[in-house]
Amino acid sequence: MAKVNLKTFHKGIHCDDNKHITRDKPIEKMPLVDDYFVSLSQHIGAPSVAVVEKGDTVNEGQLIAKEGGNVSANIFSPVCGQVIGTEQRLNKFGVPANYIHIKRSEGQVATLPDIDKRDAIAIKERIALAGIVGLGGAGFPTHIKISPKKPVDTLIINAAECEPYLTCDYRLMIETTDDIITGAKLLAKSLNVSKIIVGIEENKLEAYQLLQKYSDIKTVLLKKKYPQGGEKQLIFAVSGRKVPAKGLPMDVGVVVQNVATCKAVFDACIKNKPLYERVITVSGLGVNNPKNLLVRVGTPYAKILEYCGGIKDETVKLISGGPMMGVALIDTTGVVSKTDSGLIAMTEEEASLVQPSPCISCGRCAASCPMNLMPMYIDFYTQAGDYTTSIKYGVEHCIECGCCSYVCPAKRALVQSIKLCKAKLKEKN
């Protein structure tokens, strides 16, 4: 391949991506299990409202919970079965949340009616009906994101997948390239834009070459750097546009969507299939048989790990998502949601178990922060209980990427401190 000028953003970090563990593992379909626990909070915004009751029989793909407000999303049954009831379980953050418990049985597969794929309004309505949310991790309802309040001229597809270990998006790009591009074009149609740019990191050359075959799509090769897939960082890298502080992509005429979201849009508009399953990466040196799996929403983590041969005795940390922005789990009782992209079992060789020590004022956290913040001061004032002063050092602009924690020689829990500060400020307001 001819030499390409790699695009990137300012600052950030370079870390081992560890994608070799699963990058060549084709997507497998996870066998069905007996019990599914479907969360009513699988997106940013208001929880969905259950429309089924204990004892109801449901089909795969049947609506079981309706959007619960302006920012919310529909939820569909992942399997045929009987509703055991709505119950409270701890989510991956350790917070009680409501789940619909479905006991699997035989039944039919429900699909959505056909739509006119040439009609932008029909596409938006289908995306809303199908319960599609951002599958890159944020979980923002897609139908709202493609209804910007300001004019846009560009759709950017996030194919960076910069989070270490994760290869679910990469495998989707390799195995379902046409579907993703069709989904992207449907999204562009809904936005009434013709310019589509795909940003993909240099460690995914096979997918990059496949995407280059589409002459009406611009594909930009990005430098392998974290967090290259951050929304503001990606926009700057592929277009040179700078999203203002506290601004949104639409402020610079852009909407960003993830490749897995494009695939979900294709499924909803072309196959008439709502969103109730997704591809996740099960990886880490603690997993006996790492895989990329197509998994139904509501599948227990324990069943996924069991299908992957279980975890090794040397496992010291289990993470939902990727190691940089994911959530460390206390056990395997959690279940898959729409926003889950990975399940990582790490051994001592991979996970840092060093206890935090006092800040040495080295400034590495500020030097790596892609948002140009001062994490050391945010941490200092948060620990002192002076949450308001942290605003001066940029706490409200933090994207919680984890660069600061990664480079900190004192191993301070900077991201956790920032999250605490944000929560306290939210309480105060």
Protein backbone atom coordinates (compact mmCIF):
# COMPACT_ATOMS: atom_id res chain seq x y z
CA MET A 1 0.00 0.00 0.00
CA ALA A 2 1.26 3.48 -0.89
CA LYS A 3 2.37 5.71 1.97
CA VAL A 4 -0.61 7.47 3.56
CA ASN A 5 -0.54 10.66 5.61
CA LEU A 6 -2.04 9.51 8.90
CA LYS A 7 -4.45 11.92 10.60
CA THR A 8 -4.72 12.38 14.36
CA PHE A 9 -5.47 14.80 17.21
CA HIS A 10 -3.35 16.60 19.82
CA LYS A 11 -2.06 14.81 22.94
CA GLY A 12 -3.50 11.40 23.95
CA ILE A 13 -1.44 8.29 24.73
CA HIS A 14 0.13 5.28 23.05
CA CYS A 15 -0.64 1.95 24.68
CA ASP A 16 -0.56 -1.73 23.73
CA ASP A 17 -3.81 -2.47 21.94
CA ASN A 18 -3.74 -6.25 22.60
CA LYS A 19 -6.12 -6.75 19.68
CA HIS A 20 -4.09 -9.71 18.42
CA ILE A 21 -5.94 -11.93 20.91
CA THR A 22 -9.25 -11.77 18.98
CA ARG A 23 -8.69 -9.82 15.75
CA ASP A 24 -8.66 -13.01 13.67
CA LYS A 25 -11.58 -14.64 15.48
CA PRO A 26 -14.69 -14.61 13.25
CA ILE A 27 -17.96 -13.61 14.89
CA GLU A 28 -19.71 -16.58 16.50
CA LYS A 29 -23.37 -16.74 17.41
CA MET A 30 -23.77 -17.25 21.16
CA PRO A 31 -26.07 -20.21 21.86
CA LEU A 32 -29.34 -19.32 23.56
CA VAL A 33 -29.60 -19.70 27.34
CA ASP A 34 -32.61 -20.36 29.57
CA ASP A 35 -33.01 -17.00 31.33
CA TYR A 36 -32.63 -13.43 30.10
CA PHE A 37 -32.67 -10.28 32.21
CA VAL A 38 -33.40 -7.24 30.05
CA SER A 39 -32.56 -3.88 31.59
CA LEU A 40 -35.00 -0.98 31.26
CA SER A 41 -32.02 1.44 31.31
CA GLN A 42 -29.82 0.60 28.32
CA HIS A 43 -29.32 4.13 27.07
CA ILE A 44 -28.68 7.71 28.13
CA GLY A 45 -31.90 9.31 29.30
CA ALA A 46 -35.12 8.14 30.94
CA PRO A 47 -35.60 4.40 31.59
CA SER A 48 -38.02 2.61 29.28
CA VAL A 49 -41.48 1.67 30.54
CA ALA A 50 -42.44 -2.02 30.53
CA VAL A 51 -45.48 -2.93 28.41
CA VAL A 52 -45.55 -6.60 29.44
CA GLU A 53 -46.53 -8.18 32.73
CA LYS A 54 -45.79 -11.32 34.70
CA GLY A 55 -47.17 -14.37 32.89
CA ASP A 56 -47.21 -12.78 29.41
CA THR A 57 -45.89 -14.82 26.49
CA VAL A 58 -43.57 -12.89 24.18
CA ASN A 59 -41.97 -13.55 20.80
CA GLU A 60 -38.42 -12.78 19.77
CA GLY A 61 -38.34 -9.20 18.52
CA GLN A 62 -41.57 -8.19 20.29
CA LEU A 63 -41.75 -4.79 21.99
CA ILE A 64 -41.51 -5.28 25.77
CA ALA A 65 -40.75 -1.71 26.91
CA LYS A 66 -41.55 1.67 25.34
CA GLU A 67 -39.40 4.78 25.42
CA GLY A 68 -40.01 6.59 28.70
CA GLY A 69 -39.49 10.21 27.65
CA ASN A 70 -38.00 12.56 25.06
CA VAL A 71 -34.57 10.96 25.50
CA SER A 72 -35.24 7.24 25.73
CA ALA A 73 -35.48 4.12 23.55
CA ASN A 74 -37.74 1.14 22.91
CA ILE A 75 -36.67 -2.31 24.08
CA PHE A 76 -37.49 -5.63 22.42
CA SER A 77 -37.51 -9.21 23.64
CA PRO A 78 -34.28 -11.05 22.76
CA VAL A 79 -36.03 -14.43 22.70
CA CYS A 80 -39.38 -16.18 22.69
CA GLY A 81 -40.52 -16.99 26.19
CA GLN A 82 -42.59 -16.20 29.24
CA VAL A 83 -42.27 -13.04 31.31
CA ILE A 84 -41.40 -14.09 34.86
CA GLY A 85 -41.77 -10.50 36.00
CA THR A 86 -39.97 -7.19 36.46
CA GLU A 87 -37.34 -7.37 39.18
CA GLN A 88 -34.54 -5.32 40.65
CA ARG A 89 -30.95 -6.39 40.09
CA LEU A 90 -27.64 -4.63 40.55
CA ASN A 91 -26.35 -3.22 37.27
CA LYS A 92 -22.66 -3.19 36.36
CA PHE A 93 -22.19 0.00 38.38
CA GLY A 94 -23.52 -1.74 41.51
CA VAL A 95 -26.74 0.31 41.45
CA PRO A 96 -30.21 -1.34 41.72
CA ALA A 97 -32.12 -1.15 38.41
CA ASN A 98 -35.25 -2.70 36.92
CA TYR A 99 -35.00 -5.73 34.63
CA ILE A 100 -37.59 -7.81 32.78
CA HIS A 101 -36.92 -11.50 33.44
CA ILE A 102 -37.81 -13.76 30.49
CA LYS A 103 -37.74 -17.58 30.64
CA ARG A 104 -36.97 -18.85 27.13
CA SER A 105 -39.37 -21.18 25.31
CA GLU A 106 -40.49 -21.86 21.73
CA GLY A 107 -42.26 -19.24 19.63
CA GLN A 108 -42.19 -17.02 16.56
CA VAL A 109 -39.87 -14.24 15.43
CA ALA A 110 -41.60 -10.85 15.21
CA THR A 111 -40.44 -8.35 12.58
CA LEU A 112 -41.23 -4.75 11.78
CA PRO A 113 -43.23 -3.74 8.68
CA ASP A 114 -41.51 -2.65 5.46
CA ILE A 115 -40.66 1.04 4.99
CA ASP A 116 -39.79 3.29 2.06
CA LYS A 117 -35.98 3.46 2.26
CA ARG A 118 -36.00 6.59 0.08
CA ASP A 119 -37.98 8.57 2.67
CA ALA A 120 -35.82 10.38 5.27
CA ILE A 121 -38.70 10.68 7.73
CA ALA A 122 -39.56 6.99 7.41
CA ILE A 123 -35.92 6.08 8.14
CA LYS A 124 -35.89 8.27 11.27
CA GLU A 125 -39.15 6.78 12.46
CA ARG A 126 -37.86 3.25 11.87
CA ILE A 127 -34.64 3.97 13.81
CA ALA A 128 -36.73 5.29 16.73
CA LEU A 129 -39.17 2.37 16.61
CA ALA A 130 -36.34 -0.20 16.48
CA GLY A 131 -34.81 1.10 19.70
CA ILE A 132 -31.41 1.89 18.17
CA VAL A 133 -28.90 3.69 20.38
CA GLY A 134 -25.22 4.51 19.93
CA LEU A 135 -23.40 1.17 20.12
CA GLY A 136 -19.98 2.70 20.62
CA GLY A 137 -20.62 2.86 24.36
CA ALA A 138 -22.43 6.14 25.00
CA GLY A 139 -25.92 4.78 24.29
CA PHE A 140 -27.46 8.05 23.11
CA PRO A 141 -30.76 7.33 21.26
CA THR A 142 -29.88 7.46 17.55
CA HIS A 143 -33.17 8.98 16.35
CA ILE A 144 -32.41 12.08 18.45
CA LYS A 145 -28.83 12.31 17.24
CA ILE A 146 -29.98 12.30 13.59
CA SER A 147 -32.42 15.12 14.32
CA PRO A 148 -29.91 17.95 15.00
CA LYS A 149 -31.22 21.42 15.78
CA LYS A 150 -28.56 22.98 13.57
CA PRO A 151 -27.77 22.32 9.88
CA VAL A 152 -25.15 19.65 9.21
CA ASP A 153 -23.29 18.76 6.03
CA THR A 154 -21.21 15.74 7.02
CA LEU A 155 -21.78 12.30 8.53
CA ILE A 156 -18.66 10.84 10.16
CA ILE A 157 -18.55 7.10 10.79
CA ASN A 158 -16.43 6.14 13.79
CA ALA A 159 -14.47 3.03 12.83
CA ALA A 160 -11.46 3.83 15.03
CA GLU A 161 -12.21 1.29 17.78
CA CYS A 162 -9.27 2.71 19.75
CA GLU A 163 -10.13 0.94 23.02
CA PRO A 164 -7.53 -1.81 23.71
CA TYR A 165 -8.59 -5.49 23.36
CA LEU A 166 -11.88 -4.77 21.56
CA THR A 167 -12.24 -6.11 18.01
CA CYS A 168 -16.03 -6.42 17.66
CA ASP A 169 -16.28 -3.40 15.34
CA TYR A 170 -13.30 -4.60 13.32
CA ARG A 171 -14.89 -8.02 12.76
CA LEU A 172 -18.17 -6.35 11.75
CA MET A 173 -16.29 -4.27 9.18
CA ILE A 174 -14.56 -7.38 7.80
CA GLU A 175 -17.63 -9.61 7.73
CA THR A 176 -20.50 -7.19 7.00
CA THR A 177 -18.89 -4.34 5.05
CA ASP A 178 -21.79 -3.85 2.62
CA ASP A 179 -24.33 -3.79 5.45
CA ILE A 180 -22.39 -1.10 7.34
CA ILE A 181 -22.03 1.10 4.27
CA THR A 182 -25.73 0.70 3.44
CA GLY A 183 -26.57 1.64 7.04
CA ALA A 184 -24.32 4.69 6.79
CA LYS A 185 -26.06 5.79 3.59
CA LEU A 186 -29.46 5.37 5.25
CA LEU A 187 -28.26 7.58 8.11
CA ALA A 188 -26.96 10.14 5.60
CA LYS A 189 -30.34 10.06 3.85
CA SER A 190 -32.11 10.72 7.14
CA LEU A 191 -29.83 13.74 7.69
CA ASN A 192 -30.16 14.95 4.10
CA VAL A 193 -26.38 15.00 3.65
CA SER A 194 -24.28 13.48 0.90
CA LYS A 195 -20.81 13.64 2.47
CA ILE A 196 -19.81 10.54 4.45
CA ILE A 197 -16.34 10.17 6.01
CA VAL A 198 -15.14 6.99 7.72
CA GLY A 199 -12.29 7.37 10.21
CA ILE A 200 -10.36 4.14 10.88
CA GLU A 201 -7.09 3.46 12.72
CA GLU A 202 -3.99 2.16 10.94
CA ASN A 203 -4.09 -1.15 12.85
CA LYS A 204 -7.15 -2.19 10.81
CA LEU A 205 -5.68 -2.18 7.31
CA GLU A 206 -7.76 -5.09 6.02
CA ALA A 207 -10.96 -3.26 6.92
CA TYR A 208 -9.53 0.01 5.53
CA GLN A 209 -8.88 -1.62 2.17
CA LEU A 210 -12.42 -3.05 2.07
CA LEU A 211 -13.90 0.38 2.82
CA GLN A 212 -11.83 2.05 0.10
CA LYS A 213 -13.79 0.14 -2.54
CA TYR A 214 -16.74 2.49 -2.03
CA SER A 215 -15.97 5.47 -4.24
CA ASP A 216 -18.77 7.62 -2.80
CA ILE A 217 -17.41 7.27 0.75
CA LYS A 218 -14.25 9.01 1.94
CA THR A 219 -12.11 6.78 4.16
CA VAL A 220 -9.47 8.45 6.34
CA LEU A 221 -6.64 6.40 7.84
CA LEU A 222 -5.87 7.50 11.39
CA LYS A 223 -2.78 7.17 13.54
CA LYS A 224 -3.07 4.46 16.20
CA LYS A 225 -3.45 6.55 19.32
CA TYR A 226 -5.87 6.63 22.23
CA PRO A 227 -8.56 8.08 22.36
CA GLN A 228 -8.67 8.40 18.57
CA GLY A 229 -12.32 7.35 18.63
CA GLY A 230 -13.37 10.13 21.01
CA GLU A 231 -16.04 12.15 19.22
CA LYS A 232 -14.29 15.53 19.33
CA GLN A 233 -10.89 13.97 18.63
CA LEU A 234 -12.24 12.04 15.63
CA ILE A 235 -13.98 15.09 14.17
CA PHE A 236 -10.75 17.11 14.34
CA ALA A 237 -8.65 14.28 12.88
CA VAL A 238 -10.83 13.61 9.83
CA SER A 239 -12.21 17.09 9.09
CA GLY A 240 -10.02 19.64 10.90
CA ARG A 241 -13.11 21.07 12.57
CA LYS A 242 -12.89 21.93 16.28
CA VAL A 243 -15.98 21.39 18.40
CA PRO A 244 -16.16 24.29 20.89
CA ALA A 245 -16.03 23.81 24.66
CA LYS A 246 -19.43 22.54 25.87
CA GLY A 247 -20.37 22.31 22.18
CA LEU A 248 -21.79 19.41 20.18
CA PRO A 249 -20.77 17.99 16.78
CA MET A 250 -23.73 19.74 15.16
CA ASP A 251 -22.11 23.07 16.13
CA VAL A 252 -19.51 22.35 13.42
CA GLY A 253 -21.96 20.79 10.97
CA VAL A 254 -21.26 17.16 11.81
CA VAL A 255 -23.04 14.06 13.13
CA VAL A 256 -20.97 11.06 14.28
CA GLN A 257 -22.17 7.44 14.29
CA ASN A 258 -20.42 4.18 15.20
CA VAL A 259 -19.98 1.32 12.68
CA ALA A 260 -22.02 -1.07 14.85
CA THR A 261 -24.82 1.50 14.92
CA CYS A 262 -24.71 1.58 11.11
CA LYS A 263 -25.14 -2.21 11.08
CA ALA A 264 -28.12 -1.91 13.45
CA VAL A 265 -29.69 0.70 11.14
CA PHE A 266 -29.23 -1.65 8.19
CA ASP A 267 -30.89 -4.48 10.12
CA ALA A 268 -33.81 -2.26 11.14
CA CYS A 269 -34.47 -0.67 7.75
CA ILE A 270 -33.58 -3.51 5.37
CA LYS A 271 -34.25 -6.65 7.45
CA ASN A 272 -37.05 -5.09 9.55
CA LYS A 273 -35.27 -6.31 12.68
CA PRO A 274 -35.26 -4.25 15.90
CA LEU A 275 -32.16 -4.01 18.08
CA TYR A 276 -31.97 -6.87 20.59
CA GLU A 277 -28.54 -8.37 19.96
CA ARG A 278 -25.01 -7.07 19.39
CA VAL A 279 -21.43 -8.23 18.85
CA ILE A 280 -19.09 -8.12 21.85
CA THR A 281 -15.43 -9.09 22.32
CA VAL A 282 -14.57 -11.55 25.10
CA SER A 283 -10.84 -11.23 25.64
CA GLY A 284 -7.91 -10.93 28.03
CA LEU A 285 -5.30 -13.42 29.17
CA GLY A 286 -7.73 -14.62 31.83
CA VAL A 287 -10.20 -16.04 29.26
CA ASN A 288 -9.60 -19.63 28.18
CA ASN A 289 -11.12 -19.21 24.69
CA PRO A 290 -11.32 -15.54 23.62
CA LYS A 291 -14.03 -14.83 21.03
CA ASN A 292 -16.07 -12.24 19.17
CA LEU A 293 -19.68 -13.13 19.90
CA LEU A 294 -23.09 -12.12 18.61
CA VAL A 295 -25.01 -12.01 21.89
CA ARG A 296 -28.65 -11.37 22.77
CA VAL A 297 -29.34 -8.45 25.11
CA GLY A 298 -29.99 -9.73 28.64
CA THR A 299 -27.55 -12.66 28.44
CA PRO A 300 -25.80 -13.16 31.81
CA TYR A 301 -22.04 -12.52 31.81
CA ALA A 302 -21.54 -15.84 33.60
CA LYS A 303 -23.08 -17.74 30.66
CA ILE A 304 -20.88 -15.87 28.15
CA LEU A 305 -17.73 -16.70 30.08
CA GLU A 306 -18.86 -20.31 30.42
CA TYR A 307 -19.28 -20.54 26.63
CA CYS A 308 -15.74 -19.14 26.27
CA GLY A 309 -14.30 -21.94 28.41
CA GLY A 310 -14.44 -20.03 31.68
CA ILE A 311 -11.79 -17.81 33.22
CA LYS A 312 -8.44 -18.83 34.65
CA ASP A 313 -7.55 -18.89 38.33
CA GLU A 314 -4.99 -16.15 37.68
CA THR A 315 -7.73 -13.67 36.72
CA VAL A 316 -7.61 -10.62 38.99
CA LYS A 317 -9.95 -8.20 37.23
CA LEU A 318 -13.11 -8.53 35.13
CA ILE A 319 -14.18 -5.54 33.05
CA SER A 320 -17.38 -4.76 31.17
CA GLY A 321 -16.29 -2.82 28.08
CA GLY A 322 -12.66 -1.99 27.40
CA PRO A 323 -9.88 -1.51 29.97
CA MET A 324 -9.70 2.29 29.52
CA MET A 325 -13.37 3.32 29.79
CA GLY A 326 -14.99 0.09 30.94
CA VAL A 327 -16.36 -0.77 34.37
CA ALA A 328 -14.61 -3.18 36.74
CA LEU A 329 -17.11 -5.82 37.90
CA ILE A 330 -17.45 -7.24 41.40
CA ASP A 331 -18.74 -10.58 40.06
CA THR A 332 -20.27 -12.24 36.98
CA THR A 333 -23.95 -11.65 37.81
CA GLY A 334 -24.31 -8.78 35.32
CA VAL A 335 -25.99 -9.06 31.92
CA VAL A 336 -25.36 -7.72 28.43
CA SER A 337 -26.97 -4.43 27.43
CA LYS A 338 -27.08 -2.58 24.12
CA THR A 339 -24.04 -0.50 25.10
CA ASP A 340 -21.74 -3.40 26.07
CA SER A 341 -18.87 -3.92 23.65
CA GLY A 342 -16.63 -6.26 25.59
CA LEU A 343 -16.00 -8.53 28.54
CA ILE A 344 -12.32 -8.56 29.51
CA ALA A 345 -10.71 -10.93 32.05
CA MET A 346 -7.28 -9.64 33.06
CA THR A 347 -4.46 -11.40 34.89
CA GLU A 348 -1.77 -9.78 37.06
CA GLU A 349 0.35 -9.55 33.92
CA GLU A 350 -2.18 -7.12 32.40
CA ALA A 351 -3.84 -5.31 35.30
CA SER A 352 -2.09 -2.85 37.60
CA LEU A 353 -2.70 -3.74 41.25
CA VAL A 354 -0.43 -1.02 42.67
CA GLN A 355 -2.07 1.01 45.44
CA PRO A 356 -2.32 4.80 44.83
CA SER A 357 0.22 7.10 46.44
CA PRO A 358 0.31 10.92 46.83
CA CYS A 359 0.53 13.07 43.70
CA ILE A 360 4.12 14.04 42.84
CA SER A 361 3.08 17.01 40.66
CA CYS A 362 4.78 15.60 37.56
CA GLY A 363 2.13 16.97 35.19
CA ARG A 364 1.93 13.83 33.04
CA CYS A 365 -1.86 13.72 33.34
CA ALA A 366 -2.19 17.25 31.93
CA ALA A 367 0.36 16.52 29.19
CA SER A 368 -1.66 13.52 27.94
CA CYS A 369 -5.20 14.90 28.36
CA PRO A 370 -6.83 15.22 24.90
CA MET A 371 -9.22 17.84 26.32
CA ASN A 372 -6.38 20.01 27.70
CA LEU A 373 -7.59 19.75 31.30
CA MET A 374 -5.73 19.72 34.64
CA PRO A 375 -6.71 16.34 36.16
CA MET A 376 -4.32 16.65 39.14
CA TYR A 377 -6.10 19.77 40.38
CA ILE A 378 -9.56 18.32 39.77
CA ASP A 379 -8.52 15.33 41.88
CA PHE A 380 -7.04 17.57 44.60
CA TYR A 381 -10.15 19.70 45.02
CA THR A 382 -12.48 16.71 44.75
CA GLN A 383 -10.64 14.95 47.57
CA ALA A 384 -10.89 18.18 49.57
CA GLY A 385 -14.65 18.33 48.97
CA ASP A 386 -14.35 21.61 47.05
CA TYR A 387 -16.22 20.44 43.95
CA THR A 388 -17.03 23.93 42.65
CA THR A 389 -13.35 24.91 42.32
CA SER A 390 -12.81 21.84 40.13
CA ILE A 391 -14.92 23.51 37.45
CA LYS A 392 -12.09 26.01 36.93
CA TYR A 393 -9.80 23.14 35.95
CA GLY A 394 -12.20 21.64 33.42
CA VAL A 395 -14.09 18.85 35.20
CA GLU A 396 -17.22 19.52 33.12
CA HIS A 397 -15.30 18.97 29.88
CA CYS A 398 -13.75 15.62 30.85
CA ILE A 399 -14.65 12.75 28.48
CA GLU A 400 -13.48 10.16 31.06
CA CYS A 401 -11.14 8.51 28.56
CA GLY A 402 -8.69 7.39 31.26
CA CYS A 403 -5.48 8.79 29.72
CA CYS A 404 -4.65 10.59 32.97
CA SER A 405 -5.01 7.49 35.13
CA TYR A 406 -3.00 5.43 32.64
CA VAL A 407 0.07 7.69 32.70
CA CYS A 408 -0.03 8.62 36.41
CA PRO A 409 3.13 7.25 38.11
CA ALA A 410 1.39 7.52 41.49
CA LYS A 411 -1.46 5.34 40.14
CA ARG A 412 -4.07 7.76 41.43
CA ALA A 413 -7.71 7.00 40.58
CA LEU A 414 -8.13 10.23 38.63
CA VAL A 415 -11.09 9.19 36.49
CA GLN A 416 -13.01 7.90 39.50
CA SER A 417 -12.30 11.21 41.25
CA ILE A 418 -13.59 13.15 38.25
CA LYS A 419 -16.75 11.01 38.06
CA LEU A 420 -17.36 11.63 41.77
CA CYS A 421 -16.92 15.37 41.28
CA LYS A 422 -19.40 15.41 38.38
CA ALA A 423 -21.93 13.47 40.46
CA LYS A 424 -21.57 15.87 43.41
CA LEU A 425 -21.97 18.90 41.16
CA LYS A 426 -25.08 17.32 39.64
CA GLU A 427 -26.51 16.76 43.14
CA LYS A 428 -25.78 20.37 44.05
CA ASN A 429 -27.55 21.69 40.95
